[in-house]
N, C-alpha and C. Protein backbone atom coordinates (compact mmCIF):
# COMPACT_ATOMS: atom_id res chain seq x y z
N MET A 1 9.75 3.73 -7.67
CA MET A 1 11.17 3.52 -7.69
C MET A 1 11.56 2.52 -8.78
N PHE A 2 10.87 1.36 -8.77
CA PHE A 2 11.20 0.35 -9.77
C PHE A 2 10.74 0.77 -11.16
N GLY A 3 9.70 1.59 -11.23
CA GLY A 3 9.29 2.11 -12.53
C GLY A 3 10.38 2.96 -13.16
N ALA A 4 11.03 3.78 -12.32
CA ALA A 4 12.14 4.60 -12.82
C ALA A 4 13.31 3.72 -13.22
N LEU A 5 13.57 2.66 -12.45
CA LEU A 5 14.64 1.73 -12.81
C LEU A 5 14.31 0.99 -14.11
N GLY A 6 13.03 0.73 -14.33
CA GLY A 6 12.62 0.11 -15.59
C GLY A 6 12.91 1.01 -16.78
N ILE A 7 12.66 2.31 -16.61
CA ILE A 7 12.96 3.27 -17.68
C ILE A 7 14.46 3.32 -17.93
N LEU A 8 15.24 3.39 -16.85
CA LEU A 8 16.69 3.41 -17.01
C LEU A 8 17.20 2.11 -17.63
N GLY A 9 16.62 1.00 -17.23
CA GLY A 9 17.01 -0.28 -17.81
C GLY A 9 16.68 -0.37 -19.29
N PHE A 10 15.53 0.16 -19.66
CA PHE A 10 15.13 0.17 -21.06
C PHE A 10 16.11 1.00 -21.89
N ILE A 11 16.45 2.19 -21.38
CA ILE A 11 17.39 3.06 -22.09
C ILE A 11 18.76 2.41 -22.16
N ALA A 12 19.20 1.82 -21.05
CA ALA A 12 20.50 1.15 -21.03
C ALA A 12 20.52 -0.02 -22.01
N GLY A 13 19.40 -0.73 -22.13
CA GLY A 13 19.31 -1.83 -23.08
C GLY A 13 19.44 -1.37 -24.52
N LEU A 14 18.91 -0.19 -24.80
CA LEU A 14 19.04 0.36 -26.15
C LEU A 14 20.49 0.66 -26.50
N PHE A 15 21.29 0.97 -25.48
CA PHE A 15 22.71 1.26 -25.69
C PHE A 15 23.59 0.04 -25.42
N SER A 16 23.01 -1.14 -25.42
CA SER A 16 23.70 -2.43 -25.27
C SER A 16 24.43 -2.58 -23.95
N ALA A 17 23.97 -1.93 -22.90
CA ALA A 17 24.54 -2.15 -21.57
C ALA A 17 24.06 -3.51 -21.06
N ARG A 18 24.83 -4.12 -20.18
CA ARG A 18 24.46 -5.42 -19.63
C ARG A 18 24.24 -5.31 -18.13
N PHE A 19 23.16 -5.91 -17.66
CA PHE A 19 22.89 -6.01 -16.23
C PHE A 19 21.90 -7.13 -16.02
N GLU A 20 21.80 -7.60 -14.80
CA GLU A 20 20.88 -8.68 -14.46
C GLU A 20 19.49 -8.11 -14.17
N ALA A 21 18.48 -8.74 -14.71
CA ALA A 21 17.10 -8.34 -14.44
C ALA A 21 16.27 -9.61 -14.26
N SER A 22 15.36 -9.57 -13.30
CA SER A 22 14.55 -10.74 -13.02
C SER A 22 13.20 -10.30 -12.46
N LEU A 23 12.15 -10.93 -12.93
CA LEU A 23 10.80 -10.66 -12.43
C LEU A 23 9.91 -11.84 -12.78
N TYR A 24 9.14 -12.31 -11.82
CA TYR A 24 8.19 -13.42 -12.02
C TYR A 24 8.84 -14.68 -12.58
N GLY A 25 10.09 -14.91 -12.30
CA GLY A 25 10.78 -16.10 -12.79
C GLY A 25 11.48 -15.92 -14.11
N MET A 26 11.27 -14.80 -14.76
CA MET A 26 11.99 -14.50 -15.99
C MET A 26 13.31 -13.84 -15.60
N GLU A 27 14.38 -14.30 -16.19
CA GLU A 27 15.70 -13.74 -15.88
C GLU A 27 16.45 -13.46 -17.17
N THR A 28 17.26 -12.39 -17.14
CA THR A 28 18.10 -12.08 -18.29
C THR A 28 19.29 -11.25 -17.84
N SER A 29 20.36 -11.40 -18.55
CA SER A 29 21.51 -10.50 -18.35
C SER A 29 21.70 -9.66 -19.62
N GLU A 30 20.75 -9.78 -20.53
CA GLU A 30 20.78 -9.07 -21.81
C GLU A 30 19.52 -8.21 -21.91
N PRO A 31 19.56 -6.97 -21.40
CA PRO A 31 18.35 -6.15 -21.39
C PRO A 31 17.84 -5.76 -22.78
N SER A 32 18.66 -5.91 -23.80
CA SER A 32 18.20 -5.57 -25.14
C SER A 32 17.48 -6.74 -25.81
N SER A 33 17.34 -7.87 -25.10
CA SER A 33 16.61 -9.01 -25.65
C SER A 33 15.11 -8.79 -25.45
N ALA A 34 14.32 -9.65 -26.04
CA ALA A 34 12.87 -9.54 -25.91
C ALA A 34 12.44 -9.70 -24.45
N ILE A 35 13.03 -10.65 -23.76
CA ILE A 35 12.70 -10.85 -22.35
C ILE A 35 13.13 -9.63 -21.53
N GLY A 36 14.30 -9.07 -21.85
CA GLY A 36 14.78 -7.89 -21.14
C GLY A 36 13.85 -6.70 -21.32
N PHE A 37 13.39 -6.47 -22.54
CA PHE A 37 12.44 -5.38 -22.78
C PHE A 37 11.11 -5.64 -22.09
N PHE A 38 10.67 -6.91 -22.06
CA PHE A 38 9.42 -7.25 -21.40
C PHE A 38 9.53 -7.01 -19.89
N ILE A 39 10.65 -7.39 -19.29
CA ILE A 39 10.86 -7.15 -17.87
C ILE A 39 10.88 -5.66 -17.58
N CYS A 40 11.57 -4.88 -18.39
CA CYS A 40 11.60 -3.42 -18.22
C CYS A 40 10.20 -2.84 -18.35
N PHE A 41 9.43 -3.33 -19.35
CA PHE A 41 8.06 -2.87 -19.53
C PHE A 41 7.22 -3.17 -18.28
N LEU A 42 7.38 -4.38 -17.72
CA LEU A 42 6.61 -4.74 -16.53
C LEU A 42 6.96 -3.83 -15.35
N PHE A 43 8.25 -3.53 -15.17
CA PHE A 43 8.65 -2.62 -14.09
C PHE A 43 8.05 -1.23 -14.30
N ILE A 44 8.07 -0.73 -15.51
CA ILE A 44 7.49 0.58 -15.82
C ILE A 44 5.98 0.55 -15.58
N PHE A 45 5.33 -0.50 -16.04
CA PHE A 45 3.88 -0.66 -15.86
C PHE A 45 3.53 -0.70 -14.38
N LYS A 46 4.29 -1.45 -13.59
CA LYS A 46 4.04 -1.52 -12.15
C LYS A 46 4.24 -0.16 -11.48
N GLY A 47 5.22 0.60 -11.95
CA GLY A 47 5.45 1.94 -11.41
C GLY A 47 4.27 2.86 -11.70
N ILE A 48 3.74 2.79 -12.91
CA ILE A 48 2.58 3.60 -13.27
C ILE A 48 1.37 3.23 -12.42
N VAL A 49 1.15 1.93 -12.23
CA VAL A 49 0.03 1.46 -11.41
C VAL A 49 0.20 1.93 -9.97
N ALA A 50 1.40 1.82 -9.43
CA ALA A 50 1.64 2.23 -8.05
C ALA A 50 1.37 3.72 -7.86
N ILE A 51 1.85 4.53 -8.77
CA ILE A 51 1.62 5.98 -8.67
C ILE A 51 0.13 6.29 -8.80
N GLY A 52 -0.54 5.60 -9.73
CA GLY A 52 -1.97 5.82 -9.91
C GLY A 52 -2.78 5.44 -8.68
N LEU A 53 -2.45 4.31 -8.05
CA LEU A 53 -3.17 3.90 -6.84
C LEU A 53 -2.85 4.84 -5.68
N TRP A 54 -1.61 5.26 -5.58
CA TRP A 54 -1.19 6.13 -4.49
C TRP A 54 -1.90 7.49 -4.57
N THR A 55 -2.05 8.01 -5.79
CA THR A 55 -2.70 9.31 -5.96
C THR A 55 -4.20 9.19 -6.22
N GLU A 56 -4.73 7.97 -6.12
CA GLU A 56 -6.16 7.69 -6.24
C GLU A 56 -6.77 8.18 -7.55
N GLN A 57 -6.11 7.86 -8.65
CA GLN A 57 -6.60 8.22 -9.97
C GLN A 57 -7.79 7.32 -10.35
N ASP A 58 -8.66 7.82 -11.22
CA ASP A 58 -9.85 7.07 -11.64
C ASP A 58 -9.48 5.74 -12.32
N TRP A 59 -8.44 5.73 -13.11
CA TRP A 59 -8.05 4.58 -13.90
C TRP A 59 -7.20 3.58 -13.14
N ALA A 60 -6.78 3.91 -11.94
CA ALA A 60 -5.77 3.12 -11.23
C ALA A 60 -6.24 1.71 -10.88
N VAL A 61 -7.47 1.56 -10.44
CA VAL A 61 -7.93 0.22 -10.04
C VAL A 61 -8.00 -0.71 -11.24
N ASN A 62 -8.52 -0.23 -12.36
CA ASN A 62 -8.59 -1.09 -13.54
C ASN A 62 -7.20 -1.47 -14.04
N LEU A 63 -6.28 -0.54 -14.01
CA LEU A 63 -4.91 -0.84 -14.42
C LEU A 63 -4.24 -1.78 -13.42
N GLY A 64 -4.55 -1.61 -12.14
CA GLY A 64 -4.03 -2.51 -11.11
C GLY A 64 -4.53 -3.93 -11.29
N ILE A 65 -5.80 -4.07 -11.66
CA ILE A 65 -6.35 -5.40 -11.93
C ILE A 65 -5.64 -6.02 -13.13
N ALA A 66 -5.42 -5.23 -14.16
CA ALA A 66 -4.68 -5.74 -15.33
C ALA A 66 -3.26 -6.14 -14.94
N ASP A 67 -2.62 -5.34 -14.09
CA ASP A 67 -1.27 -5.66 -13.62
C ASP A 67 -1.26 -6.98 -12.86
N ALA A 68 -2.22 -7.18 -11.97
CA ALA A 68 -2.28 -8.42 -11.20
C ALA A 68 -2.54 -9.63 -12.10
N VAL A 69 -3.44 -9.49 -13.07
CA VAL A 69 -3.74 -10.60 -13.98
C VAL A 69 -2.51 -10.94 -14.83
N ILE A 70 -1.80 -9.92 -15.31
CA ILE A 70 -0.58 -10.16 -16.09
C ILE A 70 0.44 -10.87 -15.22
N GLY A 71 0.62 -10.41 -13.99
CA GLY A 71 1.58 -11.03 -13.08
C GLY A 71 1.25 -12.47 -12.78
N ILE A 72 -0.02 -12.76 -12.50
CA ILE A 72 -0.44 -14.13 -12.21
C ILE A 72 -0.25 -15.00 -13.45
N SER A 73 -0.57 -14.47 -14.62
CA SER A 73 -0.42 -15.24 -15.86
C SER A 73 1.05 -15.56 -16.14
N VAL A 74 1.92 -14.56 -15.99
CA VAL A 74 3.34 -14.79 -16.24
C VAL A 74 3.90 -15.79 -15.23
N CYS A 75 3.51 -15.67 -13.97
CA CYS A 75 3.95 -16.64 -12.96
C CYS A 75 3.49 -18.05 -13.31
N ALA A 76 2.24 -18.18 -13.74
CA ALA A 76 1.72 -19.50 -14.09
C ALA A 76 2.49 -20.10 -15.27
N VAL A 77 2.77 -19.29 -16.26
CA VAL A 77 3.53 -19.78 -17.42
C VAL A 77 4.93 -20.19 -16.98
N MET A 78 5.58 -19.38 -16.15
CA MET A 78 6.93 -19.69 -15.70
C MET A 78 6.96 -20.94 -14.81
N MET A 79 5.88 -21.20 -14.10
CA MET A 79 5.82 -22.42 -13.28
C MET A 79 5.64 -23.65 -14.16
N MET A 80 4.95 -23.51 -15.30
CA MET A 80 4.67 -24.64 -16.17
C MET A 80 5.75 -24.87 -17.22
N MET A 81 6.66 -23.93 -17.40
CA MET A 81 7.72 -24.08 -18.40
C MET A 81 8.54 -25.35 -18.21
N PRO A 82 8.88 -25.72 -16.98
CA PRO A 82 9.70 -26.93 -16.82
C PRO A 82 8.99 -28.21 -17.24
N LEU A 83 7.69 -28.19 -17.50
CA LEU A 83 6.99 -29.40 -17.93
C LEU A 83 7.55 -29.94 -19.24
N ALA A 84 8.09 -29.07 -20.08
CA ALA A 84 8.67 -29.49 -21.35
C ALA A 84 10.05 -30.11 -21.17
N ASN A 85 10.62 -29.96 -19.99
CA ASN A 85 11.95 -30.46 -19.70
C ASN A 85 11.84 -31.87 -19.09
N PRO A 86 12.64 -32.83 -19.56
CA PRO A 86 12.56 -34.18 -18.98
C PRO A 86 12.99 -34.22 -17.52
N ASP A 87 13.84 -33.31 -17.10
CA ASP A 87 14.26 -33.24 -15.70
C ASP A 87 13.39 -32.23 -14.96
N PHE A 88 12.08 -32.49 -14.98
CA PHE A 88 11.10 -31.55 -14.45
C PHE A 88 11.28 -31.35 -12.94
N HIS A 89 11.39 -30.09 -12.54
CA HIS A 89 11.41 -29.70 -11.14
C HIS A 89 10.42 -28.57 -10.96
N PHE A 90 9.30 -28.87 -10.32
CA PHE A 90 8.26 -27.86 -10.12
C PHE A 90 8.76 -26.82 -9.12
N SER A 91 8.52 -25.56 -9.43
CA SER A 91 8.85 -24.49 -8.48
C SER A 91 7.64 -23.57 -8.36
N PHE A 92 7.20 -23.39 -7.14
CA PHE A 92 6.07 -22.51 -6.88
C PHE A 92 6.57 -21.08 -6.81
N ARG A 93 5.95 -20.18 -7.54
CA ARG A 93 6.34 -18.77 -7.55
C ARG A 93 5.71 -18.08 -6.34
N LEU A 94 6.55 -17.60 -5.43
CA LEU A 94 6.06 -16.95 -4.22
C LEU A 94 5.35 -15.63 -4.50
N GLU A 95 5.58 -15.05 -5.67
CA GLU A 95 4.89 -13.81 -6.02
C GLU A 95 3.38 -13.99 -5.98
N LEU A 96 2.92 -15.22 -6.24
CA LEU A 96 1.48 -15.49 -6.25
C LEU A 96 0.86 -15.28 -4.87
N VAL A 97 1.66 -15.47 -3.82
CA VAL A 97 1.16 -15.28 -2.45
C VAL A 97 0.71 -13.84 -2.24
N LEU A 98 1.32 -12.90 -2.94
CA LEU A 98 0.91 -11.50 -2.84
C LEU A 98 0.03 -11.05 -3.99
N LEU A 99 0.22 -11.62 -5.17
CA LEU A 99 -0.56 -11.18 -6.33
C LEU A 99 -2.04 -11.55 -6.23
N ILE A 100 -2.33 -12.73 -5.74
CA ILE A 100 -3.74 -13.17 -5.66
C ILE A 100 -4.52 -12.32 -4.65
N PRO A 101 -4.02 -12.10 -3.41
CA PRO A 101 -4.77 -11.19 -2.51
C PRO A 101 -4.85 -9.76 -3.05
N PHE A 102 -3.81 -9.30 -3.76
CA PHE A 102 -3.84 -7.97 -4.37
C PHE A 102 -4.97 -7.88 -5.39
N LEU A 103 -5.11 -8.91 -6.23
CA LEU A 103 -6.19 -8.94 -7.21
C LEU A 103 -7.55 -8.97 -6.53
N ILE A 104 -7.70 -9.79 -5.52
CA ILE A 104 -8.98 -9.89 -4.80
C ILE A 104 -9.34 -8.55 -4.16
N LYS A 105 -8.37 -7.90 -3.53
CA LYS A 105 -8.61 -6.60 -2.90
C LYS A 105 -9.04 -5.56 -3.93
N LEU A 106 -8.35 -5.53 -5.09
CA LEU A 106 -8.72 -4.56 -6.12
C LEU A 106 -10.11 -4.83 -6.69
N LEU A 107 -10.45 -6.11 -6.86
CA LEU A 107 -11.80 -6.44 -7.35
C LEU A 107 -12.86 -6.02 -6.34
N ASN A 108 -12.56 -6.15 -5.04
CA ASN A 108 -13.52 -5.74 -4.01
C ASN A 108 -13.64 -4.23 -3.88
N VAL A 109 -12.54 -3.50 -4.12
CA VAL A 109 -12.56 -2.06 -3.93
C VAL A 109 -13.02 -1.32 -5.19
N ARG A 110 -13.05 -1.98 -6.33
CA ARG A 110 -13.42 -1.30 -7.58
C ARG A 110 -14.81 -0.66 -7.53
N PRO A 111 -15.86 -1.35 -7.04
CA PRO A 111 -17.17 -0.67 -7.00
C PRO A 111 -17.17 0.55 -6.07
N ILE A 112 -16.47 0.45 -4.95
CA ILE A 112 -16.40 1.57 -4.01
C ILE A 112 -15.63 2.73 -4.65
N TRP A 113 -14.57 2.40 -5.33
CA TRP A 113 -13.71 3.41 -5.99
C TRP A 113 -14.50 4.15 -7.07
N LYS A 114 -15.27 3.39 -7.86
CA LYS A 114 -16.06 4.02 -8.93
C LYS A 114 -17.21 4.85 -8.36
N GLN A 115 -17.78 4.40 -7.27
CA GLN A 115 -18.88 5.13 -6.66
C GLN A 115 -18.43 6.46 -6.07
N ALA A 116 -17.19 6.50 -5.59
CA ALA A 116 -16.65 7.72 -4.99
C ALA A 116 -16.29 8.74 -6.06
N ARG A 117 -16.20 8.34 -7.31
CA ARG A 117 -15.79 9.26 -8.39
C ARG A 117 -16.97 9.92 -8.99
């Protein structure tokens, strides 16, 4: 679902439409900006991973691991961004509560998944 919305958001951004988009602490109301395209790309990427895992494709686990690592990395960067600000307010990204177990599960299931193929 969100993968399809990412595609629509990407197309809308090309036509200079404005809407709010947010993921992993990145926010934009300008989808044609670099951050807007990156958010749309992440939504599309997550949609591809979800469909691949759902249909049990050979490549799905490796792409899912890449998705989790990208998500954890972006969350970590967004948590550390305020360090450059003198009015530093640390904010813990709750997405990590789901991303870390997701990564661990995919790492544990990868050998089983490859063996079944």
